[in-house]
Amino acid sequence: MQLLTIDAEKCKGDGMCVQLCTGALVQKGKGTVPVLEFPELCISCGHCVAECPTDAIMMYRMDMDNFPLIPEEARPEPEALLEFLRMRRSVRRYKRKLVPKYMVESLVEAARYAPTGSNAQSMCYVIVQDRQVIEDLARLCIDVHRRDLEDMRRRLAQPGLGAVEETWLRDEVSSVQDLVERFDQGEDTLFYHAPGLVVIHTPPRGATTPLEDATLVAYNMMLMAEAQGLGTCFIGFFYPQAAKSKEIREALTIPLKNEILMAFTFGYPAIRWRRLVDRRKLEVKWM
């Protein structure tokens, strides 16, 4: 499949697209039209199209109608952006209200534009809004935590543990045991009765930086959720266990070979934050 073409009549030969390229485009002489010398190096990032002042470049892996001009007013003021970033908080109390599909679709659209290593764009998504399925997933996940508890207790009973490992294991046992016990008492300690759940996974070898990619796409989705008045929360007690469970994979229709990387809840918050929250000062070394 042809990757791109450059219109020789439109091209001014400034070579900026070559400078921005990953090595696929080559300019063989000053002022000449660049050529796609190494197509195997093209990652379809779109830099060349986004920069070209004469619209001389056509890419065939992308929708060329979806390269709109960037209006100056689209760039938010730094102070307003920082304030918005501070508004997002982890929400653990949700209204029992279904999020309309068009709002969920906007979360997915936000994920499309997150950066990914080598522009792989390999993340796949399962969006669950069926409460029964979410409850089934919670039960299956708690079962994995029970098995993990047994394994950790066996490790604690073994002689020769270092002090650091023993302290970590005891903390983990305490944390997971509390999670399981409260779940058994009827508390949704995993998903907080959220009306929606997003699970992010990728095919094997589909990404060069899978965990980073999943984090970035998830946070794009979370910020879009915040912009729509929705709340979100990373569920760190779910996706590592989901990755180990054949039953959870089957419930989510995720292939056994795929890597489950991230999960977060979403929905209408049952609370309203009145204030932004302070954070610790960063330790920064200027050089």
Protein backbone atom coordinates (compact mmCIF):
# COMPACT_ATOMS: atom_id res chain seq x y z
CA MET A 1 0.00 0.00 0.00
CA GLN A 2 1.26 3.45 -0.94
CA LEU A 3 2.03 5.48 2.22
CA LEU A 4 2.25 9.04 0.95
CA THR A 5 2.81 11.22 -2.07
CA ILE A 6 4.21 14.74 -2.40
CA ASP A 7 2.77 17.06 -5.04
CA ALA A 8 5.81 18.43 -6.88
CA GLU A 9 3.89 21.47 -8.10
CA LYS A 10 2.89 22.49 -4.57
CA CYS A 11 6.13 21.56 -2.78
CA LYS A 12 8.50 24.49 -2.17
CA GLY A 13 11.44 22.24 -1.27
CA ASP A 14 12.10 23.80 2.15
CA GLY A 15 12.91 20.34 3.55
CA MET A 16 11.21 20.94 6.90
CA CYS A 17 9.19 17.72 6.54
CA VAL A 18 12.48 15.79 6.22
CA GLN A 19 13.82 17.38 9.40
CA LEU A 20 10.68 16.36 11.29
CA CYS A 21 10.56 12.84 9.86
CA THR A 22 11.70 9.64 11.57
CA GLY A 23 13.99 8.94 8.60
CA ALA A 24 11.56 7.82 5.93
CA LEU A 25 11.73 11.03 3.86
CA VAL A 26 14.97 12.12 2.19
CA GLN A 27 15.78 15.35 0.37
CA LYS A 28 18.51 14.63 -2.20
CA GLY A 29 19.36 18.20 -2.97
CA LYS A 30 18.64 21.67 -1.62
CA GLY A 31 15.26 22.87 -2.82
CA THR A 32 14.29 19.50 -4.32
CA VAL A 33 11.10 17.61 -3.63
CA PRO A 34 11.63 15.07 -0.80
CA VAL A 35 11.12 11.40 -1.61
CA LEU A 36 9.94 8.48 0.51
CA GLU A 37 13.29 6.69 0.46
CA PHE A 38 12.75 4.40 3.46
CA PRO A 39 9.02 3.60 3.76
CA GLU A 40 9.71 1.00 6.45
CA LEU A 41 10.69 3.85 8.78
CA CYS A 42 7.41 5.72 8.31
CA ILE A 43 5.26 5.49 11.45
CA SER A 44 2.40 7.58 10.00
CA CYS A 45 2.81 10.22 12.69
CA GLY A 46 1.45 12.94 10.38
CA HIS A 47 4.19 15.45 11.25
CA CYS A 48 4.93 16.11 7.59
CA VAL A 49 1.28 16.88 6.78
CA ALA A 50 0.82 19.01 9.90
CA GLU A 51 3.86 21.15 9.04
CA CYS A 52 3.64 21.52 5.26
CA PRO A 53 2.83 25.18 4.45
CA THR A 54 1.54 24.37 0.96
CA ASP A 55 -0.50 21.21 1.71
CA ALA A 56 1.66 19.26 -0.73
CA ILE A 57 1.65 15.94 1.16
CA MET A 58 -1.03 13.29 0.98
CA MET A 59 -1.01 10.35 3.43
CA TYR A 60 -3.02 7.27 2.56
CA ARG A 61 -3.24 5.62 6.00
CA MET A 62 -5.13 8.58 7.40
CA ASP A 63 -8.31 10.53 6.79
CA MET A 64 -7.01 13.67 5.11
CA ASP A 65 -10.28 15.44 5.94
CA ASN A 66 -9.32 15.09 9.61
CA PHE A 67 -6.33 17.44 9.44
CA PRO A 68 -8.03 20.75 10.31
CA LEU A 69 -6.09 23.98 10.67
CA ILE A 70 -5.23 24.85 14.27
CA PRO A 71 -7.01 28.03 15.38
CA GLU A 72 -4.98 30.23 17.72
CA GLU A 73 -7.88 30.44 20.17
CA ALA A 74 -7.78 26.65 20.62
CA ARG A 75 -4.72 26.96 22.85
CA PRO A 76 -5.86 27.37 26.48
CA GLU A 77 -4.30 29.91 28.80
CA PRO A 78 -1.69 28.21 31.02
CA GLU A 79 -3.39 29.31 34.24
CA ALA A 80 -6.76 27.97 33.08
CA LEU A 81 -5.23 24.68 31.98
CA LEU A 82 -3.45 24.20 35.30
CA GLU A 83 -6.67 24.93 37.17
CA PHE A 84 -8.52 22.36 35.05
CA LEU A 85 -5.82 19.74 35.63
CA ARG A 86 -6.16 20.32 39.37
CA MET A 87 -9.92 19.73 39.18
CA ARG A 88 -9.65 16.02 38.39
CA ARG A 89 -9.90 13.87 41.50
CA SER A 90 -10.31 10.14 42.10
CA VAL A 91 -14.03 9.54 42.57
CA ARG A 92 -15.19 6.63 44.74
CA ARG A 93 -18.85 7.56 45.12
CA TYR A 94 -21.07 7.53 42.05
CA LYS A 95 -24.69 8.20 41.24
CA ARG A 96 -26.60 5.16 39.99
CA LYS A 97 -27.08 6.87 36.64
CA LEU A 98 -26.03 5.55 33.24
CA VAL A 99 -23.68 7.77 31.21
CA PRO A 100 -25.13 8.46 27.73
CA LYS A 101 -23.36 6.73 24.88
CA TYR A 102 -22.38 9.96 23.13
CA MET A 103 -20.44 11.04 26.22
CA VAL A 104 -18.64 7.69 26.42
CA GLU A 105 -17.81 7.93 22.72
CA SER A 106 -16.13 11.27 23.39
CA LEU A 107 -13.87 9.52 25.93
CA VAL A 108 -12.84 7.05 23.25
CA GLU A 109 -12.25 9.88 20.80
CA ALA A 110 -9.96 11.56 23.35
CA ALA A 111 -7.99 8.32 23.62
CA ARG A 112 -7.32 8.40 19.86
CA TYR A 113 -5.20 11.51 20.21
CA ALA A 114 -2.97 10.43 23.08
CA PRO A 115 0.72 9.95 22.18
CA THR A 116 1.96 6.37 21.87
CA GLY A 117 5.48 5.00 21.52
CA SER A 118 6.50 4.83 17.82
CA ASN A 119 2.94 5.99 17.06
CA ALA A 120 1.86 2.36 17.48
CA GLN A 121 -1.75 3.24 18.42
CA SER A 122 -2.23 -0.38 19.45
CA MET A 123 -4.40 0.07 22.54
CA CYS A 124 -7.74 -1.76 22.57
CA TYR A 125 -10.67 -0.91 24.82
CA VAL A 126 -13.51 -2.74 26.55
CA ILE A 127 -16.19 -0.44 27.92
CA VAL A 128 -18.60 -2.02 30.39
CA GLN A 129 -21.84 -0.30 31.39
CA ASP A 130 -23.82 -3.38 32.39
CA ARG A 131 -23.93 -3.37 36.21
CA GLN A 132 -24.36 -7.14 36.36
CA VAL A 133 -21.20 -7.63 34.33
CA ILE A 134 -19.32 -5.17 36.55
CA GLU A 135 -20.49 -7.06 39.64
CA ASP A 136 -19.43 -10.38 38.08
CA LEU A 137 -16.00 -8.92 37.30
CA ALA A 138 -15.66 -7.74 40.90
CA ARG A 139 -16.47 -11.20 42.23
CA LEU A 140 -14.02 -12.89 39.86
CA CYS A 141 -11.32 -10.39 40.75
CA ILE A 142 -11.84 -10.90 44.49
CA ASP A 143 -11.39 -14.64 43.90
CA VAL A 144 -7.97 -13.89 42.40
CA HIS A 145 -7.14 -11.71 45.42
CA ARG A 146 -8.04 -14.64 47.70
CA ARG A 147 -5.53 -16.83 45.87
CA ASP A 148 -2.94 -14.06 46.04
CA LEU A 149 -3.50 -13.84 49.80
CA GLU A 150 -2.76 -17.54 50.19
CA ASP A 151 0.42 -17.21 48.12
CA MET A 152 1.63 -14.21 50.12
CA ARG A 153 0.97 -15.95 53.45
CA ARG A 154 2.96 -18.97 52.26
CA ARG A 155 5.84 -16.70 51.31
CA LEU A 156 5.72 -15.04 54.73
CA ALA A 157 5.99 -18.44 56.38
CA GLN A 158 9.17 -19.26 54.50
CA PRO A 159 12.48 -18.74 56.33
CA GLY A 160 15.15 -16.38 55.10
CA LEU A 161 12.99 -13.45 54.02
CA GLY A 162 14.77 -10.12 53.99
CA ALA A 163 13.44 -7.34 56.21
CA VAL A 164 12.34 -5.20 53.26
CA GLU A 165 10.50 -8.03 51.51
CA GLU A 166 8.84 -9.15 54.75
CA THR A 167 7.60 -5.63 55.52
CA TRP A 168 6.25 -5.27 51.98
CA LEU A 169 4.50 -8.65 52.12
CA ARG A 170 2.90 -7.89 55.50
CA ASP A 171 1.61 -4.56 54.19
CA GLU A 172 0.24 -6.26 51.07
CA VAL A 173 -1.47 -8.98 53.10
CA SER A 174 -3.07 -6.39 55.35
CA SER A 175 -4.27 -4.28 52.40
CA VAL A 176 -5.65 -7.17 50.33
CA GLN A 177 -7.22 -8.86 53.35
CA ASP A 178 -9.07 -5.65 54.19
CA LEU A 179 -10.23 -5.37 50.56
CA VAL A 180 -11.57 -8.94 50.55
CA GLU A 181 -13.23 -8.77 53.98
CA ARG A 182 -15.09 -5.56 53.21
CA PHE A 183 -16.18 -7.00 49.86
CA ASP A 184 -17.54 -10.08 51.65
CA GLN A 185 -19.52 -7.77 53.90
CA GLY A 186 -21.30 -6.30 50.88
CA GLU A 187 -19.11 -3.30 50.11
CA ASP A 188 -18.01 -2.75 46.51
CA THR A 189 -14.35 -2.23 47.36
CA LEU A 190 -13.24 -2.55 43.73
CA PHE A 191 -15.55 -0.44 41.57
CA TYR A 192 -17.47 1.64 44.12
CA HIS A 193 -20.82 0.90 42.42
CA ALA A 194 -19.64 2.86 39.36
CA PRO A 195 -21.94 2.67 36.34
CA GLY A 196 -19.04 2.34 33.91
CA LEU A 197 -15.67 0.63 33.58
CA VAL A 198 -12.93 0.97 30.95
CA VAL A 199 -10.35 -1.80 30.51
CA ILE A 200 -7.36 -1.17 28.24
CA HIS A 201 -5.36 -3.97 26.62
CA THR A 202 -3.03 -4.52 23.69
CA PRO A 203 -1.98 -7.40 21.43
CA PRO A 204 1.44 -8.94 22.12
CA ARG A 205 4.26 -6.91 20.60
CA GLY A 206 1.69 -4.35 19.50
CA ALA A 207 3.40 -1.50 21.36
CA THR A 208 6.98 -0.52 22.07
CA THR A 209 5.96 1.20 25.33
CA PRO A 210 2.69 -0.52 26.34
CA LEU A 211 2.36 0.64 29.95
CA GLU A 212 3.21 4.24 29.10
CA ASP A 213 0.77 4.18 26.17
CA ALA A 214 -2.05 2.79 28.32
CA THR A 215 -1.44 5.40 31.01
CA LEU A 216 -1.49 8.24 28.52
CA VAL A 217 -4.63 7.13 26.70
CA ALA A 218 -6.37 6.50 30.03
CA TYR A 219 -5.52 9.96 31.29
CA ASN A 220 -6.73 11.57 28.06
CA MET A 221 -10.03 9.79 28.63
CA MET A 222 -10.14 10.88 32.26
CA LEU A 223 -9.57 14.51 31.38
CA MET A 224 -12.34 14.35 28.79
CA ALA A 225 -14.58 12.80 31.44
CA GLU A 226 -13.75 15.69 33.79
CA ALA A 227 -14.64 18.19 31.06
CA GLN A 228 -18.08 16.58 30.83
CA GLY A 229 -18.75 16.61 34.56
CA LEU A 230 -17.94 12.92 35.04
CA GLY A 231 -15.74 11.33 37.68
CA THR A 232 -13.09 8.64 37.22
CA CYS A 233 -10.75 6.48 39.29
CA PHE A 234 -7.87 4.17 38.39
CA ILE A 235 -8.57 0.66 39.75
CA GLY A 236 -5.15 -0.68 40.63
CA PHE A 237 -6.65 -3.64 42.48
CA PHE A 238 -8.23 -4.91 39.25
CA TYR A 239 -6.05 -4.99 36.15
CA PRO A 240 -3.06 -6.93 37.57
CA GLN A 241 -5.48 -9.61 38.78
CA ALA A 242 -7.51 -9.50 35.56
CA ALA A 243 -4.31 -10.24 33.64
CA LYS A 244 -3.96 -13.52 35.59
CA SER A 245 -7.60 -14.64 35.30
CA LYS A 246 -8.89 -16.66 32.36
CA GLU A 247 -12.45 -16.12 33.64
CA ILE A 248 -12.10 -12.34 33.66
CA ARG A 249 -10.59 -12.37 30.18
CA GLU A 250 -13.50 -14.46 28.92
CA ALA A 251 -16.03 -12.14 30.57
CA LEU A 252 -14.38 -9.18 28.84
CA THR A 253 -13.75 -11.09 25.58
CA ILE A 254 -10.04 -10.23 25.79
CA PRO A 255 -7.78 -12.80 24.09
CA LEU A 256 -5.48 -14.78 26.38
CA LYS A 257 -2.43 -13.53 24.49
CA ASN A 258 -3.29 -9.84 24.97
CA GLU A 259 -1.76 -7.80 27.78
CA ILE A 260 -4.24 -6.14 30.17
CA LEU A 261 -2.66 -2.85 31.15
CA MET A 262 -5.09 -0.45 32.77
CA ALA A 263 -8.63 -0.02 34.10
CA PHE A 264 -10.64 2.86 35.49
CA THR A 265 -14.22 3.54 36.54
CA PHE A 266 -16.34 6.41 35.29
CA GLY A 267 -19.72 7.90 36.06
CA TYR A 268 -21.56 10.86 37.55
CA PRO A 269 -19.97 11.78 40.90
CA ALA A 270 -22.23 11.56 43.93
CA ILE A 271 -20.27 14.40 45.53
CA ARG A 272 -19.22 17.89 44.45
CA TRP A 273 -15.76 19.19 45.25
CA ARG A 274 -15.76 22.74 46.57
CA ARG A 275 -12.03 23.38 46.51
CA LEU A 276 -8.88 22.52 44.62
CA VAL A 277 -6.40 20.52 46.71
CA ASP A 278 -2.79 21.32 47.56
CA ARG A 279 0.06 18.90 46.82
CA ARG A 280 3.54 18.48 48.24
CA LYS A 281 6.24 20.68 46.79
CA LEU A 282 8.27 18.87 44.14
CA GLU A 283 11.92 18.07 44.55
CA VAL A 284 13.46 19.60 41.45
CA LYS A 285 17.13 19.91 40.57
CA TRP A 286 17.85 22.70 38.10
CA MET A 287 21.00 22.29 36.01
